[in-house]
Amino acid sequence: MKAITTTALIAFALMLAGCNTVRGMGQDIQKAGEKIEDASKKK
């Protein structure tokens, strides 16, 4: 359980570092949501 938590925290930190700003993070989340929406429409 500890390894999963540590891995999740590291992944989250890397994601935030890649976004650089709150605005960038919002755009990344929006794009991810659009990809999921597009994938669900194709099925």
C-alpha atoms as a PDB file:
ATOM      1  CA  MET A   1       0.000   0.000   0.000  1.00  0.00           C
ATOM      2  CA  LYS A   2       2.871   2.329   0.816  1.00  0.00           C
ATOM      3  CA  ALA A   3       4.451   1.748  -2.601  1.00  0.00           C
ATOM      4  CA  ILE A   4       1.211   2.618  -4.392  1.00  0.00           C
ATOM      5  CA  THR A   5       0.851   5.845  -2.411  1.00  0.00           C
ATOM      6  CA  THR A   6       4.458   6.814  -3.077  1.00  0.00           C
ATOM      7  CA  THR A   7       4.112   6.083  -6.788  1.00  0.00           C
ATOM      8  CA  ALA A   8       0.896   8.107  -6.991  1.00  0.00           C
ATOM      9  CA  LEU A   9       2.507  11.077  -5.233  1.00  0.00           C
ATOM     10  CA  ILE A  10       5.527  10.984  -7.545  1.00  0.00           C
ATOM     11  CA  ALA A  11       3.291  10.769 -10.620  1.00  0.00           C
ATOM     12  CA  PHE A  12       1.180  13.678  -9.353  1.00  0.00           C
ATOM     13  CA  ALA A  13       4.300  15.783  -8.691  1.00  0.00           C
ATOM     14  CA  LEU A  14       5.623  15.092 -12.182  1.00  0.00           C
ATOM     15  CA  MET A  15       2.266  15.999 -13.693  1.00  0.00           C
ATOM     16  CA  LEU A  16       2.209  19.300 -11.815  1.00  0.00           C
ATOM     17  CA  ALA A  17       5.796  20.064 -12.790  1.00  0.00           C
ATOM     18  CA  GLY A  18       4.903  19.452 -16.432  1.00  0.00           C
ATOM     19  CA  CYS A  19       1.983  21.864 -16.264  1.00  0.00           C
ATOM     20  CA  ASN A  20       4.025  24.728 -14.757  1.00  0.00           C
ATOM     21  CA  THR A  21       0.987  26.854 -13.887  1.00  0.00           C
ATOM     22  CA  VAL A  22      -2.567  26.449 -12.660  1.00  0.00           C
ATOM     23  CA  ARG A  23      -3.811  27.629 -16.045  1.00  0.00           C
ATOM     24  CA  GLY A  24      -1.663  25.058 -17.802  1.00  0.00           C
ATOM     25  CA  MET A  25      -2.933  22.345 -15.484  1.00  0.00           C
ATOM     26  CA  GLY A  26      -6.517  23.329 -16.284  1.00  0.00           C
ATOM     27  CA  GLN A  27      -5.819  23.154 -19.997  1.00  0.00           C
ATOM     28  CA  ASP A  28      -4.191  19.732 -19.606  1.00  0.00           C
ATOM     29  CA  ILE A  29      -7.191  18.422 -17.675  1.00  0.00           C
ATOM     30  CA  GLN A  30      -9.570  19.869 -20.263  1.00  0.00           C
ATOM     31  CA  LYS A  31      -7.676  18.212 -23.125  1.00  0.00           C
ATOM     32  CA  ALA A  32      -7.674  14.886 -21.292  1.00  0.00           C
ATOM     33  CA  GLY A  33     -11.428  15.185 -20.768  1.00  0.00           C
ATOM     34  CA  GLU A  34     -11.954  15.948 -24.445  1.00  0.00           C
ATOM     35  CA  LYS A  35      -9.934  12.865 -25.436  1.00  0.00           C
ATOM     36  CA  ILE A  36     -12.020  10.678 -23.129  1.00  0.00           C
ATOM     37  CA  GLU A  37     -15.213  12.213 -24.510  1.00  0.00           C
ATOM     38  CA  ASP A  38     -14.091  11.623 -28.105  1.00  0.00           C
ATOM     39  CA  ALA A  39     -13.157   8.023 -27.321  1.00  0.00           C
ATOM     40  CA  SER A  40     -16.547   7.356 -25.750  1.00  0.00           C
ATOM     41  CA  LYS A  41     -18.371   8.787 -28.777  1.00  0.00           C
ATOM     42  CA  LYS A  42     -16.510   6.445 -31.143  1.00  0.00           C
ATOM     43  CA  LYS A  43     -17.871   3.321 -29.407  1.00  0.00           C
END
